Every structure is written in C-alpha cells, then in structure tokens.
Amino acid sequence: MGEFPSSGEKEKNKVNTFKRLRFYFMSLYYLYKLTYIIHNRIMY
C-alpha cells in the first residue's frame, strides 16, 4: 500500500470526480423538473 501512493491517489481522484459529476447531473435533473412543474403551473 505504501509502495504505490500515486495509484491510490489516482483512484481517489477518480471516485471524487465521479461523485462530483453525479451530483452535477442530479442538480441539473432536479432543476429541469422544477422548471417544468413551475411552467405547467403557469400555463394551466
């Protein structure tokens, strides 16, 4: 484990990037749903 610290760091960065991307897409998705609902409320 102590022999390859760089590969471990790389894995950790990959996981963090994935989490950040997932969070970003979830935020976009909820924002889209929210605007969609508000738009429907205004139209009807």
Protein backbone atom coordinates (compact mmCIF):
# COMPACT_ATOMS: atom_id res chain seq x y z
CA MET A 1 0.00 0.00 0.00
CA GLY A 2 2.82 2.36 0.88
CA GLU A 3 4.72 1.35 -2.24
CA PHE A 4 2.27 2.86 -4.70
CA PRO A 5 0.79 6.04 -3.24
CA SER A 6 0.29 7.62 -6.68
CA SER A 7 -2.06 4.90 -7.95
CA GLY A 8 -4.11 5.15 -4.75
CA GLU A 9 -4.37 8.91 -5.17
CA LYS A 10 -5.46 8.44 -8.76
CA GLU A 11 -8.24 6.07 -7.71
CA LYS A 12 -9.41 8.51 -5.04
CA ASN A 13 -9.46 11.35 -7.58
CA LYS A 14 -11.45 9.19 -9.99
CA VAL A 15 -14.06 8.49 -7.30
CA ASN A 16 -14.26 12.17 -6.34
CA THR A 17 -14.69 13.17 -9.98
CA PHE A 18 -17.46 10.60 -10.40
CA LYS A 19 -19.26 11.85 -7.29
CA ARG A 20 -18.95 15.44 -8.46
CA LEU A 21 -20.30 14.56 -11.91
CA ARG A 22 -23.18 12.58 -10.43
CA PHE A 23 -24.03 15.48 -8.11
CA TYR A 24 -23.88 17.90 -11.06
CA PHE A 25 -26.21 15.78 -13.19
CA MET A 26 -28.65 15.26 -10.32
CA SER A 27 -28.75 19.02 -9.75
CA LEU A 28 -29.44 19.61 -13.43
CA TYR A 29 -32.16 16.96 -13.40
CA TYR A 30 -33.94 18.43 -10.39
CA LEU A 31 -33.60 21.93 -11.77
CA TYR A 32 -35.20 20.73 -15.02
CA LYS A 33 -38.07 19.03 -13.17
CA LEU A 34 -38.63 22.11 -11.02
CA THR A 35 -38.79 24.47 -14.01
CA TYR A 36 -41.06 22.01 -15.83
CA ILE A 37 -43.50 21.90 -12.91
CA ILE A 38 -43.47 25.69 -12.49
CA HIS A 39 -44.00 26.14 -16.24
CA ASN A 40 -47.03 23.84 -16.16
CA ARG A 41 -48.44 25.69 -13.16
CA ILE A 42 -48.18 29.00 -15.02
CA MET A 43 -49.62 27.66 -18.28
CA TYR A 44 -52.63 25.93 -16.75
